[in-house]
Amino acid sequence: MSGGMRLTAIELCAGGGGQALGLEMAGFHHVAAVEYEPGFCATLRQNRPQWNVIEGDIRNFAANEYKGIDLVAGGVPCPPFSIAGKQLGHEDERDMFPAALAIIEEIQPRAVLLENVPGLASKKFADYRQKLFERLAKLGYQPEWKVLQAADYGVSQLRPRFLLVALRPADAPFFEWPEPTGPGPAVGDLLADLMEANGWQGAEAWANRAQGIAPTIVGGSKKHGGPDLGPTRAKKQWRALGVDGMGIADQAPDAAFPLESLPRLTVRMVARIQSFPDSWLFAGKKTAAYRQVGNAFPPLVAQAVGQAIHRALQRKRPPVPSPHSLAQMRLLETQPPRKGYGRKKRLETKNS
């Protein structure tokens, strides 16, 4: 399945398709995408009719039909490790890592990519991570993990995510975490055309004000009410960018919208901040669509990690940095870290 051909992948807990789309952009061909939520499945089918979308719980997935796939990837549910989800870890019934490991054992892929909230990197879950790694090692993989910041990979958002990559011993030496490429455009520059689409005269002034990167977008869950842009702290950060974070708008402000008022973002605007292309459509009404967007793994980050895995599976070394970029890296190393979202993450060594 490997070699010169496109490499194959299965996506578990595919959600609204952020990680799957990024892996597709990195050169992987999906033979199956498994997702429990019917609305999320509708989104996947609408955007990729050719994908084999399987609606159901991954605990019931017939994995034996997919032996020898190159990559098993998934954004296994994160409530067990998130602060909002009470951090119950393996005691949480929503912990899907055991099911994911059973699928990996059955399929025996060449590579594994699992994505989760940064809480899984905390000391509290050191034992859980250790057991996860021991299990993967027993299955014949060399696992490693890192917390990557979305804003380091062209995304206009501060969104740290825990990533676990596990490869076979023959492929593992070829894997290197992707080098940061820098943040995406400021929110105002990214969304200016969408904000003025309905004739709001204040759009240009708003864009000039919104010259920063978005805070982490929070997707919420079915247990909570309508969509908004997260907790009080995040809402304050949105207000500094000239955005009313108390809800999500049905459409961009029109000509009657007061010049000085704070607009709300639409689902499409939030999707663009998450680095989804405008062509990627979300099924369902506003609240359901926003949940898919808010809980997504940014496609651009998935693409960067996917390309690194793709190279490793072809046993290619990462591109050698040019003398100019090496000089810039040395310069970065000699500078004190900037305040903000912690560029020091760029220089973080591999965790294992």
Protein backbone atom coordinates (compact mmCIF):
# COMPACT_ATOMS: atom_id res chain seq x y z
CA MET A 1 0.00 0.00 0.00
CA SER A 2 2.99 2.27 0.52
CA GLY A 3 5.89 3.23 -1.68
CA GLY A 4 5.13 5.44 -4.65
CA MET A 5 1.37 5.07 -4.18
CA ARG A 6 -0.73 7.30 -2.02
CA LEU A 7 -0.54 6.19 1.57
CA THR A 8 -3.78 4.95 3.15
CA ALA A 9 -5.42 6.13 6.35
CA ILE A 10 -8.35 5.43 8.65
CA GLU A 11 -9.78 8.25 10.74
CA LEU A 12 -11.36 7.40 14.11
CA CYS A 13 -13.72 9.87 15.82
CA ALA A 14 -13.50 11.98 12.67
CA GLY A 15 -15.72 14.82 13.91
CA GLY A 16 -16.25 17.62 11.41
CA GLY A 17 -13.24 16.43 9.40
CA GLY A 18 -10.44 18.83 10.42
CA GLN A 19 -7.74 16.20 10.95
CA ALA A 20 -8.91 14.04 8.04
CA LEU A 21 -8.83 17.03 5.69
CA GLY A 22 -5.32 17.98 6.86
CA LEU A 23 -4.09 14.41 6.35
CA GLU A 24 -5.65 14.38 2.89
CA MET A 25 -3.73 17.59 2.11
CA ALA A 26 -0.59 15.79 3.33
CA GLY A 27 -1.12 13.00 0.77
CA PHE A 28 -3.10 10.34 2.66
CA HIS A 29 -6.04 8.54 1.07
CA HIS A 30 -8.84 7.71 3.51
CA VAL A 31 -10.28 4.22 3.24
CA ALA A 32 -12.63 4.81 6.20
CA ALA A 33 -13.75 7.61 8.51
CA VAL A 34 -15.59 6.51 11.66
CA GLU A 35 -17.81 8.99 13.50
CA TYR A 36 -20.56 8.52 16.07
CA GLU A 37 -22.56 11.75 15.58
CA PRO A 38 -25.01 11.67 12.64
CA GLY A 39 -24.65 15.42 11.97
CA PHE A 40 -20.86 15.15 11.79
CA CYS A 41 -21.21 12.20 9.40
CA ALA A 42 -23.50 14.34 7.21
CA THR A 43 -20.74 16.95 7.01
CA LEU A 44 -18.13 14.35 6.03
CA ARG A 45 -20.37 12.85 3.33
CA GLN A 46 -21.36 16.26 1.98
CA ASN A 47 -17.73 17.35 1.54
CA ARG A 48 -16.20 14.01 0.58
CA PRO A 49 -18.82 11.77 -1.06
CA GLN A 50 -16.01 9.39 -2.05
CA TRP A 51 -15.02 8.72 1.57
CA ASN A 52 -16.28 5.58 3.27
CA VAL A 53 -17.99 7.28 6.24
CA ILE A 54 -19.01 4.77 8.90
CA GLU A 55 -21.58 6.07 11.36
CA GLY A 56 -21.10 4.38 14.72
CA ASP A 57 -19.12 3.93 17.90
CA ILE A 58 -15.45 3.03 17.36
CA ARG A 59 -15.91 0.34 20.02
CA ASN A 60 -18.05 -1.52 17.46
CA PHE A 61 -15.81 -0.87 14.44
CA ALA A 62 -14.98 -3.98 12.35
CA ALA A 63 -11.26 -3.27 12.19
CA ASN A 64 -10.19 -6.65 10.77
CA GLU A 65 -11.33 -5.54 7.29
CA TYR A 66 -8.60 -2.90 7.22
CA LYS A 67 -5.42 -4.81 8.08
CA GLY A 68 -2.21 -3.30 6.75
CA ILE A 69 -3.41 0.32 6.42
CA ASP A 70 -0.52 2.81 6.58
CA LEU A 71 -1.95 5.18 9.19
CA VAL A 72 -4.57 5.00 11.93
CA ALA A 73 -5.38 8.55 13.06
CA GLY A 74 -7.97 9.94 15.40
CA GLY A 75 -9.06 12.74 17.65
CA VAL A 76 -10.21 10.43 20.42
CA PRO A 77 -12.70 12.21 22.72
CA CYS A 78 -10.99 14.61 25.08
CA PRO A 79 -13.38 15.19 28.02
CA PRO A 80 -11.50 12.65 30.19
CA PHE A 81 -8.42 14.92 30.11
CA SER A 82 -9.91 18.39 29.82
CA ILE A 83 -10.38 20.67 32.82
CA ALA A 84 -14.01 21.23 31.79
CA GLY A 85 -14.49 17.45 31.67
CA LYS A 86 -13.35 17.00 35.33
CA GLN A 87 -10.13 15.18 34.28
CA LEU A 88 -11.31 11.71 35.23
CA GLY A 89 -8.90 10.05 32.78
CA HIS A 90 -9.31 6.28 32.51
CA GLU A 91 -12.21 6.39 34.99
CA ASP A 92 -14.24 8.38 32.45
CA GLU A 93 -16.65 6.32 30.33
CA ARG A 94 -15.85 8.66 27.43
CA ASP A 95 -12.20 7.50 27.41
CA MET A 96 -11.82 6.00 23.94
CA PHE A 97 -8.08 5.26 24.07
CA PRO A 98 -8.67 1.56 24.95
CA ALA A 99 -10.93 1.20 21.88
CA ALA A 100 -8.38 3.01 19.69
CA LEU A 101 -5.59 0.70 20.96
CA ALA A 102 -7.71 -2.39 20.23
CA ILE A 103 -8.21 -1.15 16.65
CA ILE A 104 -4.47 -0.45 16.27
CA GLU A 105 -3.69 -3.97 17.54
CA GLU A 106 -6.12 -5.47 15.03
CA ILE A 107 -5.07 -3.40 11.99
CA GLN A 108 -1.33 -3.20 12.70
CA PRO A 109 -0.82 0.03 10.73
CA ARG A 110 2.66 1.36 10.03
CA ALA A 111 1.89 4.61 11.85
CA VAL A 112 -0.44 6.00 14.51
CA LEU A 113 -1.49 9.63 15.09
CA LEU A 114 -3.70 10.47 18.07
CA GLU A 115 -4.71 14.03 18.94
CA ASN A 116 -6.06 15.32 22.25
CA VAL A 117 -6.31 18.32 24.57
CA PRO A 118 -3.06 19.62 26.13
CA GLY A 119 -4.33 18.41 29.52
CA LEU A 120 -3.09 14.93 28.59
CA ALA A 121 0.47 16.35 28.76
CA SER A 122 0.07 17.35 32.43
CA LYS A 123 1.74 15.61 35.38
CA LYS A 124 -1.64 14.34 36.52
CA PHE A 125 -1.74 11.99 33.52
CA ALA A 126 1.92 10.89 33.55
CA ASP A 127 0.95 7.33 34.57
CA TYR A 128 -1.80 7.21 31.95
CA ARG A 129 0.65 8.32 29.24
CA GLN A 130 3.20 5.79 30.44
CA LYS A 131 0.69 2.93 30.22
CA LEU A 132 -0.40 4.13 26.76
CA PHE A 133 3.23 4.15 25.60
CA GLU A 134 3.97 0.74 27.11
CA ARG A 135 0.97 -0.72 25.31
CA LEU A 136 2.06 0.81 21.99
CA ALA A 137 5.62 -0.45 22.55
CA LYS A 138 4.26 -3.97 23.13
CA LEU A 139 2.40 -3.65 19.83
CA GLY A 140 5.74 -2.91 18.13
CA TYR A 141 5.73 0.91 17.94
CA GLN A 142 8.05 3.67 19.04
CA PRO A 143 5.71 6.33 20.44
CA GLU A 144 6.48 9.96 21.18
CA TRP A 145 4.40 12.99 22.01
CA LYS A 146 4.50 16.75 21.84
CA VAL A 147 2.18 19.68 22.48
CA LEU A 148 2.01 21.74 19.29
CA GLN A 149 0.67 25.30 19.14
CA ALA A 150 -1.64 25.88 16.15
CA ALA A 151 -0.42 29.47 15.76
CA ASP A 152 3.04 28.10 14.93
CA TYR A 153 1.66 26.45 11.77
CA GLY A 154 -0.16 29.23 9.94
CA VAL A 155 -3.36 29.14 12.02
CA SER A 156 -4.74 32.48 13.25
CA GLN A 157 -5.46 31.04 16.67
CA LEU A 158 -3.76 30.05 19.92
CA ARG A 159 -4.70 26.38 20.12
CA PRO A 160 -2.29 24.02 21.88
CA ARG A 161 -2.96 20.35 21.17
CA PHE A 162 -1.41 17.12 22.45
CA LEU A 163 -0.18 14.88 19.63
CA LEU A 164 1.00 11.30 19.88
CA VAL A 165 2.87 9.78 16.94
CA ALA A 166 3.92 6.13 16.93
CA LEU A 167 5.89 4.44 14.16
CA ARG A 168 7.53 1.08 13.54
CA PRO A 169 11.24 0.89 14.42
CA ALA A 170 12.23 0.87 10.73
CA ASP A 171 10.31 4.12 10.07
CA ALA A 172 10.69 5.92 13.40
CA PRO A 173 14.23 7.30 12.80
CA PHE A 174 12.87 9.22 9.79
CA PHE A 175 10.20 11.07 11.78
CA GLU A 176 10.81 14.62 12.94
CA TRP A 177 8.22 17.00 14.33
CA PRO A 178 7.37 19.70 11.78
CA GLU A 179 9.30 22.95 12.04
CA PRO A 180 7.10 25.94 12.93
CA THR A 181 6.22 28.11 9.96
CA GLY A 182 4.83 31.07 11.92
CA PRO A 183 1.35 32.33 12.75
CA GLY A 184 -1.47 32.95 10.32
CA PRO A 185 -2.74 36.43 9.49
CA ALA A 186 -4.33 38.67 12.13
CA VAL A 187 -8.04 38.00 12.69
CA GLY A 188 -8.99 41.34 11.10
CA ASP A 189 -7.02 40.64 7.93
CA LEU A 190 -8.30 37.06 7.76
CA LEU A 191 -11.98 37.95 8.13
CA ALA A 192 -12.23 41.44 6.58
CA ASP A 193 -13.97 40.27 3.38
CA LEU A 194 -16.50 38.15 5.31
CA MET A 195 -17.18 40.97 7.79
CA GLU A 196 -18.03 43.47 5.03
CA ALA A 197 -19.95 41.02 2.82
CA ASN A 198 -23.38 42.39 3.84
CA GLY A 199 -22.45 46.05 3.51
CA TRP A 200 -21.36 46.94 7.05
CA GLN A 201 -19.57 50.29 6.81
CA GLY A 202 -17.52 49.62 9.96
CA ALA A 203 -15.77 46.53 8.58
CA GLU A 204 -12.51 48.23 7.59
CA ALA A 205 -12.12 50.01 10.92
CA TRP A 206 -12.95 46.75 12.68
CA ALA A 207 -10.31 44.87 10.67
CA ASN A 208 -7.69 47.48 11.58
CA ARG A 209 -8.56 46.99 15.25
CA ALA A 210 -8.58 43.18 15.16
CA GLN A 211 -4.83 42.90 14.68
CA GLY A 212 -4.11 39.86 16.76
CA ILE A 213 -4.43 36.08 16.84
CA ALA A 214 -7.66 34.53 18.17
CA PRO A 215 -7.78 32.78 21.54
CA THR A 216 -8.61 29.05 21.56
CA ILE A 217 -12.03 28.47 20.03
CA VAL A 218 -14.20 26.35 22.32
CA GLY A 219 -16.64 23.95 20.71
CA GLY A 220 -18.80 23.18 23.68
CA SER A 221 -20.84 20.00 24.05
CA LYS A 222 -24.39 18.81 23.69
CA LYS A 223 -24.82 19.27 27.45
CA HIS A 224 -24.37 23.04 27.25
CA GLY A 225 -26.62 25.66 25.66
CA GLY A 226 -26.18 27.63 22.45
CA PRO A 227 -22.84 28.48 20.90
CA ASP A 228 -20.56 31.20 22.21
CA LEU A 229 -16.83 31.88 22.11
CA GLY A 230 -15.92 30.31 25.42
CA PRO A 231 -15.35 31.23 29.06
CA THR A 232 -15.13 34.75 30.48
CA ARG A 233 -11.38 35.05 29.94
CA ALA A 234 -11.69 34.13 26.25
CA LYS A 235 -14.60 36.55 25.83
CA LYS A 236 -12.38 39.35 27.17
CA GLN A 237 -9.69 38.43 24.63
CA TRP A 238 -12.32 38.48 21.87
CA ARG A 239 -13.53 41.89 23.06
CA ALA A 240 -9.95 43.21 22.72
CA LEU A 241 -10.15 42.06 19.08
CA GLY A 242 -13.43 43.92 18.62
CA VAL A 243 -15.62 40.79 18.71
CA ASP A 244 -18.73 40.12 20.81
CA GLY A 245 -18.06 36.60 22.08
CA MET A 246 -21.47 36.11 23.71
CA GLY A 247 -22.85 34.22 20.73
CA ILE A 248 -22.51 33.28 17.07
CA ALA A 249 -24.25 35.33 14.38
CA ASP A 250 -26.44 33.88 11.61
CA GLN A 251 -24.81 36.26 9.13
CA ALA A 252 -22.31 39.11 8.87
CA PRO A 253 -23.42 42.59 10.04
CA ASP A 254 -25.37 44.58 7.45
CA ALA A 255 -25.45 48.27 6.53
CA ALA A 256 -27.78 49.04 9.46
CA PHE A 257 -25.31 47.64 12.04
CA PRO A 258 -23.85 50.53 14.14
CA LEU A 259 -20.28 51.46 13.17
CA GLU A 260 -18.95 51.31 16.73
CA SER A 261 -20.73 48.12 17.81
CA LEU A 262 -18.92 44.81 18.30
CA PRO A 263 -19.94 42.26 15.67
CA ARG A 264 -20.35 38.56 16.39
CA LEU A 265 -18.60 35.95 14.27
CA THR A 266 -20.49 33.60 11.96
CA VAL A 267 -19.84 29.85 11.75
CA ARG A 268 -17.95 30.46 8.47
CA MET A 269 -15.70 33.05 10.11
CA VAL A 270 -14.87 30.67 12.96
CA ALA A 271 -14.21 27.87 10.43
CA ARG A 272 -11.74 30.14 8.62
CA ILE A 273 -9.97 30.88 11.93
CA GLN A 274 -9.71 27.10 12.39
CA SER A 275 -8.03 27.01 8.92
CA PHE A 276 -10.88 25.22 7.14
CA PRO A 277 -11.21 26.28 3.48
CA ASP A 278 -14.41 28.19 2.68
CA SER A 279 -15.44 25.28 0.43
CA TRP A 280 -15.77 22.96 3.48
CA LEU A 281 -19.46 23.08 4.45
CA PHE A 282 -20.91 22.10 7.82
CA ALA A 283 -24.23 20.24 8.03
CA GLY A 284 -26.96 21.19 10.46
CA LYS A 285 -28.22 24.37 12.07
CA LYS A 286 -25.99 27.01 13.61
CA THR A 287 -25.40 25.39 17.04
CA ALA A 288 -24.70 21.94 15.57
CA ALA A 289 -22.44 23.40 12.86
CA TYR A 290 -20.54 25.52 15.37
CA ARG A 291 -19.89 22.48 17.59
CA GLN A 292 -18.24 20.74 14.64
CA VAL A 293 -16.06 23.75 13.90
CA GLY A 294 -15.20 24.54 17.51
CA ASN A 295 -14.16 20.98 18.38
CA ALA A 296 -12.09 20.49 15.22
CA PHE A 297 -8.36 19.93 14.92
CA PRO A 298 -7.08 22.71 12.59
CA PRO A 299 -6.43 21.22 9.13
CA LEU A 300 -3.16 23.16 8.70
CA VAL A 301 -1.65 21.59 11.85
CA ALA A 302 -2.84 18.13 10.79
CA GLN A 303 -1.28 18.72 7.38
CA ALA A 304 2.10 19.67 8.90
CA VAL A 305 2.18 16.57 11.14
CA GLY A 306 0.78 14.41 8.33
CA GLN A 307 3.56 15.50 5.97
CA ALA A 308 6.14 14.58 8.62
CA ILE A 309 4.59 11.11 8.98
CA HIS A 310 4.28 10.75 5.20
CA ARG A 311 8.00 11.50 4.80
CA ALA A 312 8.91 9.03 7.54
CA LEU A 313 6.85 6.25 5.91
CA GLN A 314 8.69 6.89 2.65
CA ARG A 315 11.91 6.93 4.70
CA LYS A 316 12.84 10.37 3.51
CA ARG A 317 14.70 12.82 5.66
CA PRO A 318 13.02 16.18 6.33
CA PRO A 319 14.25 18.97 4.02
CA VAL A 320 17.61 20.38 5.12
CA PRO A 321 17.17 23.98 6.32
CA SER A 322 18.88 26.61 4.17
CA PRO A 323 21.87 28.53 5.63
CA HIS A 324 19.54 31.56 5.91
CA SER A 325 16.92 29.71 7.97
CA LEU A 326 19.64 28.13 10.13
CA ALA A 327 20.97 31.61 10.88
CA GLN A 328 17.43 32.70 11.81
CA MET A 329 17.03 29.70 14.11
CA ARG A 330 20.30 30.59 15.86
CA LEU A 331 19.03 34.13 16.26
CA LEU A 332 15.80 32.79 17.81
CA GLU A 333 17.80 30.67 20.25
CA THR A 334 19.78 33.66 21.48
CA GLN A 335 16.72 35.86 21.98
CA PRO A 336 14.66 35.79 25.19
CA PRO A 337 11.21 34.31 24.61
CA ARG A 338 8.60 36.91 23.66
CA LYS A 339 5.60 37.46 25.88
CA GLY A 340 2.40 36.04 24.51
CA TYR A 341 1.79 32.49 23.48
CA GLY A 342 5.30 31.24 24.24
CA ARG A 343 7.48 30.96 21.16
CA LYS A 344 9.74 28.80 23.32
CA LYS A 345 7.51 25.91 22.21
CA ARG A 346 9.36 26.21 18.89
CA LEU A 347 12.59 25.22 20.56
CA GLU A 348 11.07 22.50 22.70
CA THR A 349 13.02 19.29 22.42
CA LYS A 350 11.33 15.99 21.69
CA ASN A 351 9.46 14.42 24.58
CA SER A 352 9.53 10.70 24.82
